[in-house]
Amino acid sequence: MIFSIVIQSAPYSRQAAESALRFAQALLDAGHSIHRVFFYADGVQCGNNLASPPQDEINLPQHWQQLASEHQLDLVVCIAAAVKRGVLDQNEAGRYEKSGHNLADGFELSGLGQLAEATLVSDRVITFGG
């Protein structure tokens, strides 16, 4: 079965982002595939490379990066939601004349069209948070 996952909650304010990560791993372990993971609203913070949780907490951006690397997952961060929350890639940082960028490697900024496309090609779309 083909899944897409939507994450709408910030990584450390609620359990949703970590639950989504564990769900994604369970899907892959069970032999399913994930077409896309789409980070929306406060969920865009999962792609923030500057997140530095304490050593005794899970580093969610890093874990998403590892999972994506191991399974060639598409990690898409909603560009409109990201820019509002200060999560920028190099291109957007230049466009808005910011001094730096902080989108983690393996994540890409894109629009809601990516979410719409994911719903068309996936058997199931599961949303966490919101």
N, C-alpha and C. Protein backbone atom coordinates (compact mmCIF):
# COMPACT_ATOMS: atom_id res chain seq x y z
N MET A 1 0.85 -1.17 0.00
CA MET A 1 0.00 0.00 0.00
C MET A 1 0.89 1.24 0.00
N ILE A 2 0.47 2.28 -0.67
CA ILE A 2 1.23 3.53 -0.76
C ILE A 2 0.60 4.56 0.19
N PHE A 3 1.43 5.12 1.06
CA PHE A 3 0.98 6.11 2.03
C PHE A 3 1.66 7.45 1.77
N SER A 4 1.00 8.51 2.15
CA SER A 4 1.62 9.82 2.33
C SER A 4 1.27 10.27 3.74
N ILE A 5 2.16 11.03 4.33
CA ILE A 5 1.99 11.46 5.72
C ILE A 5 2.04 12.99 5.76
N VAL A 6 1.12 13.59 6.49
CA VAL A 6 1.09 15.03 6.69
C VAL A 6 1.32 15.31 8.17
N ILE A 7 2.27 16.19 8.47
CA ILE A 7 2.58 16.54 9.85
C ILE A 7 2.30 18.02 10.03
N GLN A 8 1.43 18.34 11.01
CA GLN A 8 1.01 19.73 11.21
C GLN A 8 1.40 20.31 12.57
N SER A 9 2.11 19.57 13.37
CA SER A 9 2.49 20.05 14.71
C SER A 9 4.00 20.17 14.82
N ALA A 10 4.42 21.18 15.58
CA ALA A 10 5.85 21.39 15.81
C ALA A 10 6.45 20.18 16.52
N PRO A 11 7.71 19.92 16.29
CA PRO A 11 8.31 18.69 16.81
C PRO A 11 8.36 18.56 18.33
N TYR A 12 8.44 19.64 19.06
CA TYR A 12 8.62 19.49 20.50
C TYR A 12 7.47 20.06 21.33
N SER A 13 6.40 20.49 20.67
CA SER A 13 5.27 21.02 21.43
C SER A 13 4.19 19.97 21.66
N ARG A 14 4.16 18.96 20.79
CA ARG A 14 3.19 17.87 20.90
C ARG A 14 3.86 16.58 20.48
N GLN A 15 3.19 15.48 20.69
CA GLN A 15 3.70 14.16 20.36
C GLN A 15 3.53 13.81 18.88
N ALA A 16 2.76 14.59 18.13
CA ALA A 16 2.37 14.22 16.77
C ALA A 16 3.55 13.96 15.84
N ALA A 17 4.56 14.81 15.84
CA ALA A 17 5.69 14.64 14.92
C ALA A 17 6.48 13.37 15.22
N GLU A 18 6.67 13.07 16.48
CA GLU A 18 7.37 11.83 16.84
C GLU A 18 6.50 10.61 16.53
N SER A 19 5.20 10.70 16.77
CA SER A 19 4.29 9.61 16.43
C SER A 19 4.31 9.35 14.92
N ALA A 20 4.36 10.42 14.13
CA ALA A 20 4.41 10.28 12.68
C ALA A 20 5.69 9.56 12.25
N LEU A 21 6.80 9.91 12.88
CA LEU A 21 8.07 9.25 12.59
C LEU A 21 8.00 7.75 12.90
N ARG A 22 7.47 7.42 14.04
CA ARG A 22 7.35 6.01 14.42
C ARG A 22 6.37 5.26 13.50
N PHE A 23 5.30 5.93 13.11
CA PHE A 23 4.34 5.35 12.18
C PHE A 23 5.00 5.09 10.84
N ALA A 24 5.76 6.05 10.36
CA ALA A 24 6.46 5.90 9.07
C ALA A 24 7.41 4.70 9.12
N GLN A 25 8.15 4.57 10.20
CA GLN A 25 9.08 3.45 10.33
C GLN A 25 8.32 2.13 10.35
N ALA A 26 7.20 2.08 11.06
CA ALA A 26 6.40 0.87 11.13
C ALA A 26 5.83 0.51 9.75
N LEU A 27 5.40 1.50 8.99
CA LEU A 27 4.91 1.24 7.63
C LEU A 27 6.00 0.61 6.78
N LEU A 28 7.17 1.21 6.81
CA LEU A 28 8.28 0.71 6.00
C LEU A 28 8.70 -0.69 6.44
N ASP A 29 8.72 -0.92 7.75
CA ASP A 29 9.07 -2.25 8.27
C ASP A 29 8.06 -3.30 7.83
N ALA A 30 6.80 -2.88 7.65
CA ALA A 30 5.74 -3.81 7.24
C ALA A 30 5.69 -4.01 5.73
N GLY A 31 6.57 -3.33 5.00
CA GLY A 31 6.63 -3.52 3.55
C GLY A 31 5.82 -2.54 2.72
N HIS A 32 5.22 -1.56 3.37
CA HIS A 32 4.48 -0.53 2.64
C HIS A 32 5.47 0.50 2.10
N SER A 33 4.97 1.38 1.25
CA SER A 33 5.83 2.46 0.76
C SER A 33 5.24 3.80 1.14
N ILE A 34 6.11 4.79 1.23
CA ILE A 34 5.69 6.15 1.55
C ILE A 34 6.04 7.01 0.34
N HIS A 35 5.01 7.60 -0.24
CA HIS A 35 5.22 8.46 -1.40
C HIS A 35 5.82 9.80 -0.98
N ARG A 36 5.28 10.38 0.07
CA ARG A 36 5.76 11.70 0.48
C ARG A 36 5.41 11.94 1.94
N VAL A 37 6.29 12.69 2.62
CA VAL A 37 6.00 13.23 3.94
C VAL A 37 5.91 14.74 3.75
N PHE A 38 4.77 15.31 4.09
CA PHE A 38 4.52 16.73 3.87
C PHE A 38 4.39 17.42 5.23
N PHE A 39 5.23 18.41 5.45
CA PHE A 39 5.24 19.16 6.70
C PHE A 39 4.51 20.48 6.48
N TYR A 40 3.46 20.72 7.26
CA TYR A 40 2.58 21.86 7.06
C TYR A 40 2.34 22.56 8.39
N ALA A 41 1.96 23.83 8.34
CA ALA A 41 1.70 24.63 9.54
C ALA A 41 2.92 24.57 10.45
N ASP A 42 2.73 24.36 11.75
CA ASP A 42 3.87 24.31 12.67
C ASP A 42 4.76 23.10 12.44
N GLY A 43 4.28 22.13 11.70
CA GLY A 43 5.09 20.95 11.38
C GLY A 43 6.33 21.27 10.57
N VAL A 44 6.36 22.45 9.94
CA VAL A 44 7.54 22.83 9.16
C VAL A 44 8.79 22.92 10.03
N GLN A 45 8.60 23.08 11.33
CA GLN A 45 9.75 23.15 12.24
C GLN A 45 10.52 21.83 12.30
N CYS A 46 9.92 20.76 11.82
CA CYS A 46 10.63 19.47 11.76
C CYS A 46 11.80 19.55 10.78
N GLY A 47 11.79 20.52 9.88
CA GLY A 47 12.87 20.68 8.92
C GLY A 47 13.86 21.76 9.31
N ASN A 48 13.79 22.24 10.52
CA ASN A 48 14.68 23.31 10.99
C ASN A 48 16.02 22.72 11.43
N ASN A 49 17.05 23.03 10.70
CA ASN A 49 18.39 22.50 10.98
C ASN A 49 18.98 23.08 12.27
N LEU A 50 18.41 24.15 12.78
CA LEU A 50 18.94 24.78 13.99
C LEU A 50 18.36 24.19 15.28
N ALA A 51 17.42 23.27 15.16
CA ALA A 51 16.85 22.63 16.35
C ALA A 51 17.96 21.88 17.09
N SER A 52 18.06 22.12 18.37
CA SER A 52 19.10 21.49 19.19
C SER A 52 18.49 20.98 20.49
N PRO A 53 17.76 19.88 20.42
CA PRO A 53 17.13 19.35 21.63
C PRO A 53 18.19 18.82 22.61
N PRO A 54 17.85 18.73 23.88
CA PRO A 54 18.76 18.15 24.86
C PRO A 54 19.14 16.72 24.46
N GLN A 55 20.29 16.27 24.94
CA GLN A 55 20.80 14.95 24.55
C GLN A 55 19.88 13.81 24.93
N ASP A 56 19.04 14.01 25.94
CA ASP A 56 18.15 12.93 26.35
C ASP A 56 16.81 12.94 25.61
N GLU A 57 16.67 13.83 24.60
CA GLU A 57 15.46 13.88 23.78
C GLU A 57 15.81 13.51 22.34
N ILE A 58 14.81 13.02 21.64
CA ILE A 58 15.01 12.64 20.24
C ILE A 58 15.20 13.89 19.38
N ASN A 59 16.15 13.82 18.47
CA ASN A 59 16.37 14.91 17.52
C ASN A 59 15.53 14.58 16.28
N LEU A 60 14.31 15.09 16.25
CA LEU A 60 13.38 14.72 15.18
C LEU A 60 13.85 15.11 13.78
N PRO A 61 14.38 16.32 13.57
CA PRO A 61 14.86 16.61 12.22
C PRO A 61 15.92 15.60 11.75
N GLN A 62 16.82 15.26 12.64
CA GLN A 62 17.88 14.30 12.30
C GLN A 62 17.31 12.91 12.02
N HIS A 63 16.33 12.49 12.80
CA HIS A 63 15.72 11.18 12.58
C HIS A 63 14.95 11.14 11.26
N TRP A 64 14.26 12.23 10.91
CA TRP A 64 13.58 12.28 9.61
C TRP A 64 14.61 12.21 8.49
N GLN A 65 15.73 12.90 8.66
CA GLN A 65 16.79 12.86 7.64
C GLN A 65 17.31 11.44 7.46
N GLN A 66 17.55 10.75 8.55
CA GLN A 66 18.06 9.38 8.48
C GLN A 66 17.07 8.45 7.80
N LEU A 67 15.80 8.55 8.17
CA LEU A 67 14.77 7.70 7.57
C LEU A 67 14.65 7.99 6.08
N ALA A 68 14.68 9.26 5.73
CA ALA A 68 14.57 9.64 4.32
C ALA A 68 15.76 9.12 3.52
N SER A 69 16.93 9.20 4.10
CA SER A 69 18.13 8.73 3.42
C SER A 69 18.10 7.21 3.22
N GLU A 70 17.69 6.50 4.23
CA GLU A 70 17.64 5.03 4.16
C GLU A 70 16.59 4.52 3.18
N HIS A 71 15.49 5.27 3.03
CA HIS A 71 14.36 4.78 2.24
C HIS A 71 13.99 5.70 1.07
N GLN A 72 14.86 6.65 0.76
CA GLN A 72 14.63 7.59 -0.34
C GLN A 72 13.25 8.25 -0.23
N LEU A 73 12.95 8.80 0.93
CA LEU A 73 11.68 9.46 1.15
C LEU A 73 11.73 10.90 0.69
N ASP A 74 10.62 11.39 0.26
CA ASP A 74 10.44 12.75 -0.19
C ASP A 74 9.92 13.56 1.00
N LEU A 75 10.77 14.43 1.58
CA LEU A 75 10.39 15.26 2.72
C LEU A 75 10.12 16.67 2.21
N VAL A 76 8.85 17.05 2.14
CA VAL A 76 8.47 18.34 1.57
C VAL A 76 7.93 19.24 2.68
N VAL A 77 8.48 20.44 2.74
CA VAL A 77 8.08 21.46 3.70
C VAL A 77 7.29 22.53 2.96
N CYS A 78 6.09 22.82 3.42
CA CYS A 78 5.26 23.84 2.78
C CYS A 78 5.96 25.18 2.81
N ILE A 79 6.20 25.73 1.64
CA ILE A 79 6.99 26.96 1.55
C ILE A 79 6.31 28.14 2.23
N ALA A 80 5.01 28.29 2.06
CA ALA A 80 4.30 29.42 2.66
C ALA A 80 4.35 29.35 4.18
N ALA A 81 4.10 28.17 4.73
CA ALA A 81 4.13 27.99 6.18
C ALA A 81 5.55 28.14 6.72
N ALA A 82 6.53 27.67 5.97
CA ALA A 82 7.93 27.72 6.41
C ALA A 82 8.44 29.15 6.46
N VAL A 83 8.19 29.91 5.40
CA VAL A 83 8.69 31.29 5.36
C VAL A 83 8.10 32.10 6.51
N LYS A 84 6.82 31.90 6.80
CA LYS A 84 6.18 32.61 7.92
C LYS A 84 6.84 32.29 9.25
N ARG A 85 7.38 31.07 9.35
CA ARG A 85 7.95 30.62 10.62
C ARG A 85 9.47 30.66 10.63
N GLY A 86 10.07 31.26 9.62
CA GLY A 86 11.51 31.44 9.61
C GLY A 86 12.31 30.21 9.24
N VAL A 87 11.71 29.27 8.53
CA VAL A 87 12.43 28.10 8.03
C VAL A 87 12.68 28.36 6.55
N LEU A 88 13.94 28.62 6.20
CA LEU A 88 14.29 29.06 4.86
C LEU A 88 15.40 28.21 4.26
N ASP A 89 15.30 27.95 2.96
CA ASP A 89 16.43 27.37 2.25
C ASP A 89 17.29 28.53 1.75
N GLN A 90 18.38 28.22 1.09
CA GLN A 90 19.31 29.25 0.66
C GLN A 90 18.64 30.23 -0.32
N ASN A 91 17.82 29.71 -1.22
CA ASN A 91 17.15 30.55 -2.20
C ASN A 91 16.20 31.55 -1.53
N GLU A 92 15.38 31.07 -0.61
CA GLU A 92 14.41 31.94 0.07
C GLU A 92 15.11 32.94 0.99
N ALA A 93 16.20 32.52 1.61
CA ALA A 93 16.95 33.45 2.46
C ALA A 93 17.46 34.62 1.62
N GLY A 94 17.95 34.34 0.43
CA GLY A 94 18.39 35.41 -0.46
C GLY A 94 17.24 36.27 -0.92
N ARG A 95 16.15 35.64 -1.26
CA ARG A 95 14.97 36.37 -1.74
C ARG A 95 14.45 37.36 -0.71
N TYR A 96 14.46 36.94 0.57
CA TYR A 96 13.97 37.80 1.64
C TYR A 96 15.09 38.57 2.34
N GLU A 97 16.28 38.53 1.76
CA GLU A 97 17.44 39.25 2.27
C GLU A 97 17.74 38.92 3.73
N LYS A 98 17.71 37.63 4.03
CA LYS A 98 18.07 37.16 5.37
C LYS A 98 19.54 36.74 5.38
N SER A 99 20.14 36.76 6.54
CA SER A 99 21.58 36.49 6.65
C SER A 99 21.95 35.02 6.56
N GLY A 100 20.99 34.14 6.68
CA GLY A 100 21.30 32.72 6.62
C GLY A 100 20.08 31.88 6.34
N HIS A 101 20.32 30.61 6.15
CA HIS A 101 19.22 29.68 5.91
C HIS A 101 19.32 28.54 6.90
N ASN A 102 18.20 27.84 7.13
CA ASN A 102 18.19 26.81 8.16
C ASN A 102 17.38 25.58 7.80
N LEU A 103 17.04 25.40 6.53
CA LEU A 103 16.33 24.19 6.14
C LEU A 103 17.32 23.03 6.16
N ALA A 104 16.98 22.00 6.88
CA ALA A 104 17.88 20.84 7.03
C ALA A 104 18.05 20.11 5.70
N ASP A 105 19.22 19.53 5.52
CA ASP A 105 19.49 18.72 4.33
C ASP A 105 18.47 17.59 4.24
N GLY A 106 18.05 17.30 3.03
CA GLY A 106 17.09 16.22 2.82
C GLY A 106 15.65 16.70 2.78
N PHE A 107 15.41 17.92 3.24
CA PHE A 107 14.08 18.52 3.19
C PHE A 107 14.06 19.49 2.01
N GLU A 108 12.90 19.65 1.39
CA GLU A 108 12.78 20.63 0.31
C GLU A 108 11.55 21.49 0.52
N LEU A 109 11.67 22.75 0.15
CA LEU A 109 10.53 23.66 0.20
C LEU A 109 9.74 23.52 -1.08
N SER A 110 8.43 23.45 -0.95
CA SER A 110 7.56 23.39 -2.12
C SER A 110 6.15 23.79 -1.69
N GLY A 111 5.25 23.85 -2.65
CA GLY A 111 3.90 24.32 -2.39
C GLY A 111 2.90 23.21 -2.12
N LEU A 112 1.67 23.64 -1.91
CA LEU A 112 0.58 22.70 -1.62
C LEU A 112 0.27 21.78 -2.79
N GLY A 113 0.73 22.11 -3.98
CA GLY A 113 0.56 21.22 -5.12
C GLY A 113 1.18 19.86 -4.87
N GLN A 114 2.27 19.84 -4.11
CA GLN A 114 2.92 18.58 -3.75
C GLN A 114 2.02 17.72 -2.86
N LEU A 115 1.27 18.39 -1.98
CA LEU A 115 0.33 17.66 -1.13
C LEU A 115 -0.84 17.13 -1.97
N ALA A 116 -1.35 17.96 -2.86
CA ALA A 116 -2.45 17.53 -3.73
C ALA A 116 -2.03 16.34 -4.58
N GLU A 117 -0.83 16.39 -5.14
CA GLU A 117 -0.33 15.28 -5.95
C GLU A 117 -0.17 14.01 -5.11
N ALA A 118 0.29 14.18 -3.88
CA ALA A 118 0.46 13.02 -3.00
C ALA A 118 -0.88 12.34 -2.71
N THR A 119 -1.94 13.13 -2.56
CA THR A 119 -3.25 12.53 -2.30
C THR A 119 -3.75 11.74 -3.51
N LEU A 120 -3.36 12.16 -4.69
CA LEU A 120 -3.79 11.46 -5.91
C LEU A 120 -3.11 10.11 -6.09
N VAL A 121 -1.85 10.02 -5.73
CA VAL A 121 -1.10 8.79 -6.00
C VAL A 121 -1.03 7.85 -4.80
N SER A 122 -1.49 8.29 -3.64
CA SER A 122 -1.41 7.45 -2.44
C SER A 122 -2.72 6.73 -2.20
N ASP A 123 -2.61 5.53 -1.64
CA ASP A 123 -3.79 4.80 -1.22
C ASP A 123 -4.39 5.40 0.06
N ARG A 124 -3.50 5.91 0.92
CA ARG A 124 -3.92 6.50 2.18
C ARG A 124 -3.07 7.73 2.48
N VAL A 125 -3.69 8.77 3.02
CA VAL A 125 -2.99 9.95 3.51
C VAL A 125 -3.32 10.07 4.99
N ILE A 126 -2.31 10.01 5.82
CA ILE A 126 -2.49 10.04 7.26
C ILE A 126 -1.95 11.36 7.78
N THR A 127 -2.75 12.05 8.61
CA THR A 127 -2.38 13.35 9.14
C THR A 127 -2.11 13.23 10.64
N PHE A 128 -1.03 13.88 11.07
CA PHE A 128 -0.67 13.93 12.49
C PHE A 128 -0.66 15.39 12.94
N GLY A 129 -1.34 15.67 14.04
CA GLY A 129 -1.38 17.02 14.59
C GLY A 129 -2.40 17.88 13.89
N GLY A 130 -2.38 19.13 14.28
CA GLY A 130 -3.27 20.08 13.62
C GLY A 130 -4.40 20.54 14.49
